[in-house]
Amino acid sequence: MSTVSAYAATSAVDPLTRTTITRRDVGPHDVAFDIHFAGICHSDIHTVRAEWGKVKYPLVPGHEIAGIVTEVGSEVSKFTVGDRVGVGCFVDSCRECDYCRAGEEQYCNNPGMVGTYNGVGRDGQPTQGGYSGAIVVDENYVLRVPDAISLADAAPLLCAGITTYSPLRHWNAGPGTRVAVIGLGGLGHLAVKLAVALGADVTVLSQSLKKMEDGLRLGASEYHATSDRDTFKKLRGSFDLILNTVSANLDLGAYLGLLKLDGTLVELGMPEHPMEVPAPALIFGRRRLSGSLIGGIAETQEMLDFCAEHGVTPEIEVIEPEYINEAYERVVASDVRYRFVIDTQSLR
């Protein structure tokens, strides 16, 4: 066992504070690495504040993790000391169910993927995340960070990046397709960049026009305010694919009406309340309402390699660990463009 510094939540209402946690010894198939950067995801905040269910405190959040390998197990074949690596939203799965065998470990149903934090590992111990100095993970759940991507930029790609890349690939976004992105935040800004890099024509749908300059700079061809009801008349039947990156309860009938025949609206955020779906909005247009959850290990590596090849990186604000609690409040207030990334040097 080794001891590392970390920032942990001790309850749903108290601020995160500096503490120490233990990491397991490196087993035959494990990779140990020093964490250099960890992204702050809105789901970290939801989990810390027990908004998504039961939490075992103390809890170290963080599932956008990038760093440098310091030790590998005797049976490890994929990584060596000094490699640039990352870990995303999960650190294990059953490895035996149909989904795991198909490379869709995020949908593991036996009993499910093991979260990078607030999960329980094979050793029976709670998993703790990336707001810390180091971590030990089975090599099968570790990603290689291409040299063309900085470790700070790589961190948000391991959740926000794959969360948007996976549905874009699954629903064949590319040349000749029109894609709309609802919301220009941590997820949305990467959805725009990735969809453009895939060759799609991209439109941003946002509550207001205050980020319009950013949206067009990131590659969107159009930017519309959803607070203007004329937007829904003007764009009716326009899109092959819509990615909803926000967690608000939307008027799904209005948004489904923006789809072409056989178009798909994909939910990436999780609204607080159940969604109301008017059947006619689906039936008249043979439209689909679907969802998507991050991506498997192979697809996440594909995403990283794609981003390196096409120069896709997140827009980040690097912070010190002491700023985490203030950063949380800014994320909740949508006051970040577009992803906070913690420099964990002081925790190593």
Protein backbone atom coordinates (compact mmCIF):
# COMPACT_ATOMS: atom_id res chain seq x y z
CA MET A 1 0.00 0.00 0.00
CA SER A 2 1.12 3.56 -0.65
CA THR A 3 -0.18 6.86 0.69
CA VAL A 4 -0.94 9.85 -1.53
CA SER A 5 -2.37 13.31 -1.00
CA ALA A 6 -5.86 14.02 -2.30
CA TYR A 7 -8.87 16.31 -2.06
CA ALA A 8 -11.95 14.57 -0.69
CA ALA A 9 -15.56 15.28 0.12
CA THR A 10 -16.59 14.26 3.63
CA SER A 11 -20.31 14.91 3.17
CA ALA A 12 -22.81 16.20 0.64
CA VAL A 13 -22.67 19.75 2.01
CA ASP A 14 -19.14 20.36 3.30
CA PRO A 15 -16.31 21.68 1.09
CA LEU A 16 -13.68 19.30 -0.25
CA THR A 17 -10.57 19.29 1.90
CA ARG A 18 -7.02 18.02 1.60
CA THR A 19 -6.39 14.59 3.04
CA THR A 20 -4.43 11.40 2.38
CA ILE A 21 -5.64 8.13 0.87
CA THR A 22 -4.05 4.76 0.24
CA ARG A 23 -3.49 3.08 -3.11
CA ARG A 24 -3.10 -0.67 -3.48
CA ASP A 25 0.23 -2.30 -4.23
CA VAL A 26 0.92 -2.82 -7.92
CA GLY A 27 -0.31 -6.26 -8.93
CA PRO A 28 0.85 -8.31 -11.94
CA HIS A 29 -1.54 -6.57 -14.35
CA ASP A 30 -1.54 -3.11 -12.76
CA VAL A 31 -0.20 0.23 -13.94
CA ALA A 32 0.75 2.87 -11.38
CA PHE A 33 1.08 6.47 -12.50
CA ASP A 34 1.59 9.91 -11.07
CA ILE A 35 -1.40 12.09 -11.81
CA HIS A 36 -0.43 15.38 -13.46
CA PHE A 37 -3.87 16.73 -14.35
CA ALA A 38 -7.48 15.93 -13.44
CA GLY A 39 -10.52 17.51 -15.07
CA ILE A 40 -13.57 18.67 -13.14
CA CYS A 41 -16.74 17.18 -14.60
CA HIS A 42 -20.22 18.33 -13.59
CA SER A 43 -20.94 14.71 -12.68
CA ASP A 44 -18.23 15.02 -10.00
CA ILE A 45 -20.35 17.72 -8.40
CA HIS A 46 -23.60 15.75 -8.73
CA THR A 47 -21.95 12.76 -7.07
CA VAL A 48 -20.22 14.70 -4.29
CA ARG A 49 -23.53 16.36 -3.41
CA ALA A 50 -25.38 13.01 -3.43
CA GLU A 51 -27.68 14.21 -6.19
CA TRP A 52 -27.35 10.94 -8.11
CA GLY A 53 -27.77 8.47 -5.28
CA LYS A 54 -25.86 6.99 -2.37
CA VAL A 55 -22.27 8.08 -1.76
CA LYS A 56 -19.67 6.49 0.48
CA TYR A 57 -17.68 9.27 2.16
CA PRO A 58 -14.91 10.28 2.28
CA LEU A 59 -14.94 10.48 -1.51
CA VAL A 60 -12.15 11.58 -3.86
CA PRO A 61 -13.79 12.57 -7.18
CA GLY A 62 -12.19 12.84 -10.59
CA HIS A 63 -12.55 10.62 -13.67
CA GLU A 64 -10.64 12.71 -16.21
CA ILE A 65 -7.12 11.71 -15.26
CA ALA A 66 -3.79 12.08 -17.09
CA GLY A 67 -0.25 11.40 -15.95
CA ILE A 68 3.04 9.50 -16.30
CA VAL A 69 3.59 5.80 -15.57
CA THR A 70 5.87 5.14 -12.59
CA GLU A 71 5.57 1.36 -12.20
CA VAL A 72 4.05 -1.60 -14.04
CA GLY A 73 3.18 -5.11 -12.90
CA SER A 74 5.17 -8.17 -13.91
CA GLU A 75 2.57 -9.26 -16.49
CA VAL A 76 1.86 -5.85 -18.01
CA SER A 77 2.47 -5.78 -21.76
CA LYS A 78 0.80 -2.56 -22.89
CA PHE A 79 2.72 0.08 -20.93
CA THR A 80 6.16 0.88 -19.61
CA VAL A 81 7.55 3.38 -17.09
CA GLY A 82 7.52 6.88 -18.53
CA ASP A 83 4.49 6.40 -20.78
CA ARG A 84 1.89 9.17 -20.99
CA VAL A 85 -1.43 7.68 -19.94
CA GLY A 86 -4.96 8.43 -18.83
CA VAL A 87 -7.96 6.93 -17.09
CA GLY A 88 -11.58 7.83 -17.66
CA CYS A 89 -14.87 7.09 -15.97
CA PHE A 90 -14.32 3.44 -15.05
CA VAL A 91 -11.47 1.27 -13.85
CA ASP A 92 -12.91 -2.24 -14.22
CA SER A 93 -15.84 -4.29 -15.46
CA CYS A 94 -16.82 -7.94 -15.39
CA ARG A 95 -14.88 -8.66 -18.63
CA GLU A 96 -17.17 -11.62 -19.34
CA CYS A 97 -20.62 -10.33 -20.37
CA ASP A 98 -21.56 -9.77 -24.01
CA TYR A 99 -21.05 -6.01 -23.69
CA CYS A 100 -17.58 -6.28 -22.19
CA ARG A 101 -16.55 -8.78 -24.86
CA ALA A 102 -17.84 -6.40 -27.52
CA GLY A 103 -15.71 -3.55 -26.19
CA GLU A 104 -18.70 -1.74 -24.67
CA GLU A 105 -17.52 -2.05 -21.08
CA GLN A 106 -19.46 1.03 -20.04
CA TYR A 107 -22.66 -1.01 -20.46
CA CYS A 108 -21.39 -4.00 -18.47
CA ASN A 109 -24.37 -5.70 -16.82
CA ASN A 110 -22.67 -8.22 -14.58
CA PRO A 111 -23.19 -6.26 -12.37
CA GLY A 112 -21.82 -3.12 -14.05
CA MET A 113 -18.71 -1.09 -14.70
CA VAL A 114 -16.64 -0.09 -11.68
CA GLY A 115 -16.57 3.68 -11.43
CA THR A 116 -13.23 5.43 -11.05
CA TYR A 117 -14.66 6.81 -7.82
CA ASN A 118 -17.64 5.89 -5.62
CA GLY A 119 -17.33 2.30 -6.82
CA VAL A 120 -16.03 -0.91 -5.27
CA GLY A 121 -12.97 -2.61 -6.73
CA ARG A 122 -12.25 -6.32 -6.99
CA ASP A 123 -10.41 -6.06 -3.68
CA GLY A 124 -13.62 -4.95 -2.00
CA GLN A 125 -12.26 -1.46 -1.33
CA PRO A 126 -13.92 1.81 -2.40
CA THR A 127 -12.47 3.36 -5.54
CA GLN A 128 -11.07 6.87 -5.26
CA GLY A 129 -10.57 9.23 -8.18
CA GLY A 130 -8.18 11.65 -9.75
CA TYR A 131 -8.14 14.63 -7.39
CA SER A 132 -5.01 13.00 -6.00
CA GLY A 133 -1.30 12.50 -6.55
CA ALA A 134 -1.23 8.98 -7.97
CA ILE A 135 -3.39 6.00 -8.87
CA VAL A 136 -3.11 2.27 -9.61
CA VAL A 137 -5.33 0.80 -12.35
CA ASP A 138 -5.52 -2.48 -14.24
CA GLU A 139 -3.74 -2.07 -17.59
CA ASN A 140 -6.89 -2.99 -19.52
CA TYR A 141 -8.56 0.22 -18.35
CA VAL A 142 -5.65 2.57 -19.01
CA LEU A 143 -5.44 4.72 -22.15
CA ARG A 144 -2.38 5.88 -24.04
CA VAL A 145 -2.16 9.66 -24.51
CA PRO A 146 -0.72 10.56 -27.93
CA ASP A 147 2.32 12.83 -27.94
CA ALA A 148 0.40 15.46 -29.90
CA ILE A 149 -1.95 16.08 -26.96
CA SER A 150 -0.74 17.73 -23.75
CA LEU A 151 -1.63 15.96 -20.52
CA ALA A 152 -3.70 18.96 -19.42
CA ASP A 153 -5.73 18.82 -22.63
CA ALA A 154 -6.02 15.03 -22.51
CA ALA A 155 -7.79 14.98 -19.15
CA PRO A 156 -11.21 16.36 -20.25
CA LEU A 157 -11.19 14.19 -23.36
CA LEU A 158 -11.45 11.11 -21.13
CA CYS A 159 -15.04 11.99 -20.19
CA ALA A 160 -16.32 15.04 -22.06
CA GLY A 161 -14.49 14.00 -25.21
CA ILE A 162 -15.65 10.39 -25.38
CA THR A 163 -19.17 11.28 -24.20
CA THR A 164 -19.64 13.37 -27.34
CA TYR A 165 -17.44 11.39 -29.75
CA SER A 166 -19.24 8.09 -29.17
CA PRO A 167 -22.73 9.21 -30.28
CA LEU A 168 -21.29 11.17 -33.19
CA ARG A 169 -19.61 7.99 -34.44
CA HIS A 170 -22.53 5.71 -33.60
CA TRP A 171 -25.01 7.84 -35.56
CA ASN A 172 -22.55 8.39 -38.44
CA ALA A 173 -21.96 12.12 -38.19
CA GLY A 174 -19.83 13.19 -41.14
CA PRO A 175 -19.88 14.87 -44.54
CA GLY A 176 -23.40 15.49 -45.73
CA THR A 177 -24.98 15.37 -42.27
CA ARG A 178 -26.36 18.24 -40.24
CA VAL A 179 -25.70 18.08 -36.50
CA ALA A 180 -27.12 20.34 -33.80
CA VAL A 181 -25.54 20.65 -30.36
CA ILE A 182 -27.75 21.80 -27.49
CA GLY A 183 -25.64 23.78 -25.03
CA LEU A 184 -22.12 25.16 -25.38
CA GLY A 185 -20.47 24.04 -22.16
CA GLY A 186 -17.91 21.43 -21.16
CA LEU A 187 -19.55 18.77 -23.30
CA GLY A 188 -21.05 21.01 -25.95
CA HIS A 189 -17.88 22.80 -27.01
CA LEU A 190 -16.16 19.46 -27.61
CA ALA A 191 -19.21 18.14 -29.45
CA VAL A 192 -18.90 21.07 -31.84
CA LYS A 193 -15.17 20.57 -32.39
CA LEU A 194 -15.51 16.82 -32.90
CA ALA A 195 -18.50 17.03 -35.22
CA VAL A 196 -16.72 19.62 -37.35
CA ALA A 197 -13.58 17.46 -37.45
CA LEU A 198 -15.75 14.53 -38.61
CA GLY A 199 -16.96 16.68 -41.50
CA ALA A 200 -20.51 17.47 -40.36
CA ASP A 201 -22.27 20.81 -40.70
CA VAL A 202 -22.81 21.97 -37.11
CA THR A 203 -25.34 24.29 -35.49
CA VAL A 204 -25.31 25.35 -31.83
CA LEU A 205 -28.63 25.71 -30.01
CA SER A 206 -28.18 27.74 -26.83
CA GLN A 207 -30.49 29.58 -24.46
CA SER A 208 -28.99 32.90 -25.53
CA LEU A 209 -26.51 34.30 -28.04
CA LYS A 210 -23.90 35.29 -25.45
CA LYS A 211 -21.49 32.54 -26.57
CA MET A 212 -22.20 32.94 -30.27
CA GLU A 213 -18.73 34.27 -31.07
CA ASP A 214 -17.17 31.25 -29.38
CA GLY A 215 -19.47 28.79 -31.12
CA LEU A 216 -18.62 30.13 -34.56
CA ARG A 217 -14.91 30.23 -33.68
CA LEU A 218 -15.08 26.56 -32.68
CA GLY A 219 -16.41 25.69 -36.12
CA ALA A 220 -20.21 25.90 -35.98
CA SER A 221 -21.79 27.29 -39.14
CA GLU A 222 -24.87 28.57 -37.30
CA TYR A 223 -25.78 29.60 -33.77
CA HIS A 224 -29.36 30.10 -32.61
CA ALA A 225 -31.03 31.16 -29.35
CA THR A 226 -33.65 28.69 -28.13
CA SER A 227 -35.26 31.43 -26.03
CA ASP A 228 -36.50 32.80 -29.37
CA ARG A 229 -39.48 30.66 -30.34
CA ASP A 230 -38.97 31.59 -33.99
CA THR A 231 -35.84 29.43 -33.86
CA PHE A 232 -37.99 26.30 -33.75
CA LYS A 233 -40.06 27.45 -36.72
CA LYS A 234 -37.03 28.42 -38.76
CA LEU A 235 -35.11 25.19 -38.13
CA ARG A 236 -37.98 22.70 -38.19
CA GLY A 237 -36.96 19.47 -39.95
CA SER A 238 -33.33 20.57 -40.33
CA PHE A 239 -31.11 18.05 -38.55
CA ASP A 240 -30.02 14.44 -38.92
CA LEU A 241 -28.67 14.32 -35.36
CA ILE A 242 -29.08 16.43 -32.25
CA LEU A 243 -26.86 15.99 -29.18
CA ASN A 244 -28.38 17.34 -25.98
CA THR A 245 -25.45 18.13 -23.69
CA VAL A 246 -27.45 19.88 -20.96
CA SER A 247 -29.27 18.34 -18.00
CA ALA A 248 -32.27 20.66 -18.02
CA ASN A 249 -35.79 19.38 -18.69
CA LEU A 250 -36.45 20.60 -22.22
CA ASP A 251 -39.58 20.81 -24.33
CA LEU A 252 -38.76 17.60 -26.16
CA GLY A 253 -41.62 18.00 -28.60
CA ALA A 254 -40.11 21.24 -29.88
CA TYR A 255 -36.61 19.80 -30.18
CA LEU A 256 -37.75 16.57 -31.81
CA GLY A 257 -39.49 18.74 -34.38
CA LEU A 258 -36.09 20.01 -35.49
CA LEU A 259 -35.16 16.54 -36.77
CA LYS A 260 -35.41 15.34 -40.34
CA LEU A 261 -37.14 12.08 -41.24
CA ASP A 262 -35.37 9.28 -39.31
CA GLY A 263 -33.40 11.83 -37.30
CA THR A 264 -32.16 11.12 -33.78
CA LEU A 265 -32.05 13.22 -30.61
CA VAL A 266 -29.46 11.84 -28.18
CA GLU A 267 -29.59 12.61 -24.46
CA LEU A 268 -26.15 13.02 -22.87
CA GLY A 269 -27.17 14.92 -19.75
CA MET A 270 -29.44 13.57 -17.03
CA PRO A 271 -32.33 15.91 -16.14
CA GLU A 272 -33.53 16.07 -12.56
CA HIS A 273 -37.11 15.16 -13.47
CA PRO A 274 -38.56 12.50 -15.81
CA MET A 275 -38.81 13.62 -19.43
CA GLU A 276 -42.19 14.08 -21.09
CA VAL A 277 -42.15 12.83 -24.67
CA PRO A 278 -45.14 13.66 -26.89
CA ALA A 279 -45.75 10.64 -29.09
CA PRO A 280 -46.69 12.64 -32.24
CA ALA A 281 -43.24 14.25 -32.24
CA LEU A 282 -41.77 10.76 -32.70
CA ILE A 283 -44.43 9.23 -34.93
CA PHE A 284 -44.73 12.04 -37.51
CA GLY A 285 -41.22 11.89 -38.87
CA ARG A 286 -40.15 8.44 -37.68
CA ARG A 287 -37.83 10.17 -35.26
CA ARG A 288 -35.84 8.60 -32.46
CA LEU A 289 -35.06 9.67 -28.89
CA SER A 290 -32.01 7.88 -27.58
CA GLY A 291 -29.20 8.12 -25.05
CA SER A 292 -25.49 7.44 -24.92
CA LEU A 293 -23.05 6.73 -22.09
CA ILE A 294 -19.35 7.64 -22.48
CA GLY A 295 -17.59 4.91 -24.53
CA GLY A 296 -15.66 1.67 -24.22
CA ILE A 297 -11.90 1.44 -23.83
CA ALA A 298 -11.19 0.78 -27.52
CA GLU A 299 -13.43 3.63 -28.65
CA THR A 300 -11.90 5.98 -26.10
CA GLN A 301 -8.45 5.21 -27.47
CA GLU A 302 -9.81 5.76 -30.98
CA MET A 303 -11.12 9.15 -29.84
CA LEU A 304 -7.76 10.17 -28.38
CA ASP A 305 -5.97 9.19 -31.58
CA PHE A 306 -8.57 11.04 -33.66
CA CYS A 307 -8.14 14.19 -31.57
CA ALA A 308 -4.37 13.99 -31.95
CA GLU A 309 -4.67 13.59 -35.72
CA HIS A 310 -7.18 16.41 -36.17
CA GLY A 311 -5.91 18.84 -33.52
CA VAL A 312 -9.04 18.64 -31.39
CA THR A 313 -8.41 19.82 -27.83
CA PRO A 314 -10.67 21.22 -25.10
CA GLU A 315 -10.75 24.84 -24.01
CA ILE A 316 -9.46 24.67 -20.44
CA GLU A 317 -8.74 26.75 -17.36
CA VAL A 318 -5.96 25.20 -15.26
CA ILE A 319 -6.36 25.62 -11.51
CA GLU A 320 -4.58 24.65 -8.30
CA PRO A 321 -6.24 22.08 -5.98
CA GLU A 322 -6.99 24.78 -3.42
CA TYR A 323 -9.41 26.33 -5.93
CA ILE A 324 -11.59 23.21 -6.33
CA ASN A 325 -14.49 24.39 -4.16
CA GLU A 326 -14.68 27.77 -5.90
CA ALA A 327 -14.44 25.98 -9.25
CA TYR A 328 -17.44 23.83 -8.29
CA GLU A 329 -19.54 26.93 -7.69
CA ARG A 330 -18.45 28.38 -11.01
CA VAL A 331 -19.33 25.17 -12.85
CA VAL A 332 -22.81 25.20 -11.32
CA ALA A 333 -23.16 28.84 -12.40
CA SER A 334 -21.93 27.99 -15.94
CA ASP A 335 -19.03 30.37 -15.35
CA VAL A 336 -16.22 28.47 -17.07
CA ARG A 337 -15.06 28.36 -20.67
CA TYR A 338 -15.05 25.48 -20.89
CA ARG A 339 -13.44 22.95 -18.55
CA PHE A 340 -11.55 23.30 -15.28
CA VAL A 341 -8.44 21.13 -15.08
CA ILE A 342 -6.62 20.65 -11.78
CA ASP A 343 -2.82 20.79 -11.84
CA THR A 344 -2.07 18.11 -9.24
CA GLN A 345 1.64 18.85 -8.82
CA SER A 346 1.15 19.90 -5.21
CA LEU A 347 -0.51 16.54 -4.48
CA ARG A 348 2.31 14.42 -5.89
